[in-house]
């Protein structure tokens, strides 16, 4: 599964990139997500907003 991450920096530049989802761990209101980039594996903790 792929996920898309959108962000902007302090100069108001917008970024958007898709990553392959390696692993997802469901917590109560947060998800621990591990994605693999071209150079490394990154672990993210995101808050789920519905």
PDB file of N, CA and C in Angstrom:
ATOM      1  N   UNK A   1       0.842  -1.161   0.000  1.00  0.00           N
ATOM      2  CA  UNK A   1       0.000   0.000   0.000  1.00  0.00           C
ATOM      3  C   UNK A   1       0.896   1.236   0.000  1.00  0.00           C
ATOM      4  N   UNK A   2       0.444   2.268  -0.671  1.00  0.00           N
ATOM      5  CA  UNK A   2       1.194   3.526  -0.710  1.00  0.00           C
ATOM      6  C   UNK A   2       0.450   4.579   0.099  1.00  0.00           C
ATOM      7  N   UNK A   3       1.231   5.490   0.689  1.00  0.00           N
ATOM      8  CA  UNK A   3       0.652   6.650   1.360  1.00  0.00           C
ATOM      9  C   UNK A   3       1.259   7.902   0.743  1.00  0.00           C
ATOM     10  N   UNK A   4       0.519   8.979   0.803  1.00  0.00           N
ATOM     11  CA  UNK A   4       0.999  10.246   0.263  1.00  0.00           C
ATOM     12  C   UNK A   4       1.148  11.229   1.421  1.00  0.00           C
ATOM     13  N   UNK A   5       2.281  11.896   1.472  1.00  0.00           N
ATOM     14  CA  UNK A   5       2.549  12.878   2.517  1.00  0.00           C
ATOM     15  C   UNK A   5       2.657  14.253   1.867  1.00  0.00           C
ATOM     16  N   UNK A   6       1.855  15.176   2.395  1.00  0.00           N
ATOM     17  CA  UNK A   6       1.896  16.559   1.933  1.00  0.00           C
ATOM     18  C   UNK A   6       2.408  17.413   3.080  1.00  0.00           C
ATOM     19  N   UNK A   7       3.258  18.365   2.763  1.00  0.00           N
ATOM     20  CA  UNK A   7       3.783  19.261   3.798  1.00  0.00           C
ATOM     21  C   UNK A   7       4.183  20.585   3.168  1.00  0.00           C
ATOM     22  N   UNK A   8       4.459  21.534   4.032  1.00  0.00           N
ATOM     23  CA  UNK A   8       4.985  22.815   3.563  1.00  0.00           C
ATOM     24  C   UNK A   8       6.059  23.260   4.543  1.00  0.00           C
ATOM     25  N   UNK A   9       7.021  24.001   4.029  1.00  0.00           N
ATOM     26  CA  UNK A   9       8.126  24.441   4.879  1.00  0.00           C
ATOM     27  C   UNK A   9       7.916  25.886   5.323  1.00  0.00           C
ATOM     28  N   UNK A  10       8.879  26.418   6.033  1.00  0.00           N
ATOM     29  CA  UNK A  10       8.759  27.780   6.563  1.00  0.00           C
ATOM     30  C   UNK A  10       8.772  28.853   5.474  1.00  0.00           C
ATOM     31  N   UNK A  11       9.196  28.486   4.260  1.00  0.00           N
ATOM     32  CA  UNK A  11       9.178  29.418   3.133  1.00  0.00           C
ATOM     33  C   UNK A  11       7.907  29.272   2.304  1.00  0.00           C
ATOM     34  N   UNK A  12       6.945  28.508   2.832  1.00  0.00           N
ATOM     35  CA  UNK A  12       5.658  28.243   2.194  1.00  0.00           C
ATOM     36  C   UNK A  12       5.792  27.474   0.886  1.00  0.00           C
ATOM     37  N   UNK A  13       6.843  26.670   0.777  1.00  0.00           N
ATOM     38  CA  UNK A  13       6.995  25.760  -0.351  1.00  0.00           C
ATOM     39  C   UNK A  13       6.220  24.484  -0.024  1.00  0.00           C
ATOM     40  N   UNK A  14       5.421  24.014  -0.962  1.00  0.00           N
ATOM     41  CA  UNK A  14       4.623  22.815  -0.737  1.00  0.00           C
ATOM     42  C   UNK A  14       5.320  21.597  -1.319  1.00  0.00           C
ATOM     43  N   UNK A  15       5.212  20.499  -0.604  1.00  0.00           N
ATOM     44  CA  UNK A  15       5.816  19.242  -1.029  1.00  0.00           C
ATOM     45  C   UNK A  15       4.773  18.141  -0.960  1.00  0.00           C
ATOM     46  N   UNK A  16       4.899  17.208  -1.877  1.00  0.00           N
ATOM     47  CA  UNK A  16       4.012  16.050  -1.868  1.00  0.00           C
ATOM     48  C   UNK A  16       4.794  14.865  -2.408  1.00  0.00           C
ATOM     49  N   UNK A  17       4.746  13.763  -1.693  1.00  0.00           N
ATOM     50  CA  UNK A  17       5.496  12.590  -2.113  1.00  0.00           C
ATOM     51  C   UNK A  17       4.758  11.331  -1.681  1.00  0.00           C
ATOM     52  N   UNK A  18       4.849  10.295  -2.499  1.00  0.00           N
ATOM     53  CA  UNK A  18       4.252   9.004  -2.170  1.00  0.00           C
ATOM     54  C   UNK A  18       5.330   8.046  -1.692  1.00  0.00           C
ATOM     55  N   UNK A  19       4.972   7.225  -0.718  1.00  0.00           N
ATOM     56  CA  UNK A  19       5.885   6.244  -0.148  1.00  0.00           C
ATOM     57  C   UNK A  19       5.200   4.887  -0.079  1.00  0.00           C
ATOM     58  N   UNK A  20       5.987   3.845  -0.122  1.00  0.00           N
ATOM     59  CA  UNK A  20       5.478   2.496   0.067  1.00  0.00           C
ATOM     60  C   UNK A  20       5.352   2.238   1.571  1.00  0.00           C
ATOM     61  N   UNK A  21       4.193   1.772   1.990  1.00  0.00           N
ATOM     62  CA  UNK A  21       3.952   1.496   3.397  1.00  0.00           C
ATOM     63  C   UNK A  21       4.538   0.138   3.750  1.00  0.00           C
ATOM     64  N   UNK A  22       5.441   0.104   4.709  1.00  0.00           N
ATOM     65  CA  UNK A  22       6.088  -1.133   5.153  1.00  0.00           C
ATOM     66  C   UNK A  22       5.288  -1.804   6.251  1.00  0.00           C
ATOM     67  N   UNK A  23       4.853  -1.006   7.223  1.00  0.00           N
ATOM     68  CA  UNK A  23       4.215  -1.570   8.409  1.00  0.00           C
ATOM     69  C   UNK A  23       3.367  -0.500   9.075  1.00  0.00           C
ATOM     70  N   UNK A  24       2.209  -0.909   9.633  1.00  0.00           N
ATOM     71  CA  UNK A  24       1.359   0.036  10.341  1.00  0.00           C
ATOM     72  C   UNK A  24       0.901  -0.612  11.643  1.00  0.00           C
ATOM     73  N   UNK A  25       1.059   0.101  12.743  1.00  0.00           N
ATOM     74  CA  UNK A  25       0.657  -0.389  14.058  1.00  0.00           C
ATOM     75  C   UNK A  25      -0.446   0.532  14.562  1.00  0.00           C
ATOM     76  N   UNK A  26      -1.627  -0.014  14.825  1.00  0.00           N
ATOM     77  CA  UNK A  26      -2.754   0.786  15.302  1.00  0.00           C
ATOM     78  C   UNK A  26      -2.673   0.992  16.806  1.00  0.00           C
ATOM     79  N   UNK A  27      -2.714   2.244  17.202  1.00  0.00           N
ATOM     80  CA  UNK A  27      -2.812   2.607  18.605  1.00  0.00           C
ATOM     81  C   UNK A  27      -4.176   3.266  18.781  1.00  0.00           C
ATOM     82  N   UNK A  28      -4.500   3.767  19.970  1.00  0.00           N
ATOM     83  CA  UNK A  28      -5.834   4.320  20.196  1.00  0.00           C
ATOM     84  C   UNK A  28      -6.175   5.453  19.236  1.00  0.00           C
ATOM     85  N   UNK A  29      -5.462   6.548  19.319  1.00  0.00           N
ATOM     86  CA  UNK A  29      -5.753   7.698  18.456  1.00  0.00           C
ATOM     87  C   UNK A  29      -4.606   8.004  17.515  1.00  0.00           C
ATOM     88  N   UNK A  30      -3.604   7.151  17.513  1.00  0.00           N
ATOM     89  CA  UNK A  30      -2.429   7.398  16.688  1.00  0.00           C
ATOM     90  C   UNK A  30      -2.075   6.145  15.919  1.00  0.00           C
ATOM     91  N   UNK A  31      -1.357   6.324  14.853  1.00  0.00           N
ATOM     92  CA  UNK A  31      -0.855   5.199  14.073  1.00  0.00           C
ATOM     93  C   UNK A  31       0.654   5.327  13.964  1.00  0.00           C
ATOM     94  N   UNK A  32       1.320   4.243  14.205  1.00  0.00           N
ATOM     95  CA  UNK A  32       2.767   4.182  14.039  1.00  0.00           C
ATOM     96  C   UNK A  32       3.005   3.601  12.653  1.00  0.00           C
ATOM     97  N   UNK A  33       3.594   4.377  11.763  1.00  0.00           N
ATOM     98  CA  UNK A  33       3.751   3.979  10.367  1.00  0.00           C
ATOM     99  C   UNK A  33       5.231   3.923  10.023  1.00  0.00           C
ATOM    100  N   UNK A  34       5.613   2.876   9.351  1.00  0.00           N
ATOM    101  CA  UNK A  34       6.992   2.754   8.878  1.00  0.00           C
ATOM    102  C   UNK A  34       6.958   2.783   7.357  1.00  0.00           C
ATOM    103  N   UNK A  35       7.714   3.717   6.761  1.00  0.00           N
ATOM    104  CA  UNK A  35       7.788   3.816   5.307  1.00  0.00           C
ATOM    105  C   UNK A  35       9.227   3.619   4.870  1.00  0.00           C
ATOM    106  N   UNK A  36       9.388   3.170   3.645  1.00  0.00           N
ATOM    107  CA  UNK A  36      10.725   2.969   3.101  1.00  0.00           C
ATOM    108  C   UNK A  36      10.940   3.993   1.997  1.00  0.00           C
ATOM    109  N   UNK A  37      11.989   4.792   2.134  1.00  0.00           N
ATOM    110  CA  UNK A  37      12.358   5.751   1.099  1.00  0.00           C
ATOM    111  C   UNK A  37      13.497   5.148   0.287  1.00  0.00           C
ATOM    112  N   UNK A  38      13.992   5.892  -0.662  1.00  0.00           N
ATOM    113  CA  UNK A  38      15.106   5.400  -1.480  1.00  0.00           C
ATOM    114  C   UNK A  38      16.370   5.190  -0.661  1.00  0.00           C
ATOM    115  N   UNK A  39      16.533   5.959   0.414  1.00  0.00           N
ATOM    116  CA  UNK A  39      17.790   5.925   1.151  1.00  0.00           C
ATOM    117  C   UNK A  39      17.678   5.317   2.539  1.00  0.00           C
ATOM    118  N   UNK A  40      16.477   5.314   3.142  1.00  0.00           N
ATOM    119  CA  UNK A  40      16.369   4.833   4.512  1.00  0.00           C
ATOM    120  C   UNK A  40      14.941   4.430   4.846  1.00  0.00           C
ATOM    121  N   UNK A  41      14.792   3.817   5.994  1.00  0.00           N
ATOM    122  CA  UNK A  41      13.477   3.503   6.529  1.00  0.00           C
ATOM    123  C   UNK A  41      13.134   4.557   7.570  1.00  0.00           C
ATOM    124  N   UNK A  42      11.912   5.089   7.486  1.00  0.00           N
ATOM    125  CA  UNK A  42      11.498   6.183   8.358  1.00  0.00           C
ATOM    126  C   UNK A  42      10.300   5.727   9.184  1.00  0.00           C
ATOM    127  N   UNK A  43      10.311   6.048  10.460  1.00  0.00           N
ATOM    128  CA  UNK A  43       9.206   5.718  11.345  1.00  0.00           C
ATOM    129  C   UNK A  43       8.448   7.002  11.659  1.00  0.00           C
ATOM    130  N   UNK A  44       7.130   7.007  11.435  1.00  0.00           N
ATOM    131  CA  UNK A  44       6.295   8.180  11.685  1.00  0.00           C
ATOM    132  C   UNK A  44       5.233   7.835  12.712  1.00  0.00           C
ATOM    133  N   UNK A  45       4.909   8.775  13.565  1.00  0.00           N
ATOM    134  CA  UNK A  45       3.787   8.635  14.480  1.00  0.00           C
ATOM    135  C   UNK A  45       2.808   9.736  14.116  1.00  0.00           C
ATOM    136  N   UNK A  46       1.636   9.346  13.631  1.00  0.00           N
ATOM    137  CA  UNK A  46       0.671  10.342  13.178  1.00  0.00           C
ATOM    138  C   UNK A  46      -0.599  10.262  14.010  1.00  0.00           C
ATOM    139  N   UNK A  47      -1.259  11.387  14.153  1.00  0.00           N
ATOM    140  CA  UNK A  47      -2.532  11.442  14.848  1.00  0.00           C
ATOM    141  C   UNK A  47      -3.631  11.299  13.811  1.00  0.00           C
ATOM    142  N   UNK A  48      -4.578  10.437  14.086  1.00  0.00           N
ATOM    143  CA  UNK A  48      -5.669  10.179  13.153  1.00  0.00           C
ATOM    144  C   UNK A  48      -6.771  11.194  13.414  1.00  0.00           C
ATOM    145  N   UNK A  49      -7.150  11.920  12.379  1.00  0.00           N
ATOM    146  CA  UNK A  49      -8.231  12.902  12.466  1.00  0.00           C
ATOM    147  C   UNK A  49      -9.315  12.460  11.501  1.00  0.00           C
ATOM    148  N   UNK A  50     -10.482  12.207  12.036  1.00  0.00           N
ATOM    149  CA  UNK A  50     -11.594  11.758  11.180  1.00  0.00           C
ATOM    150  C   UNK A  50     -12.657  12.809  11.079  1.00  0.00           C
TER     151      UNK A  50
END
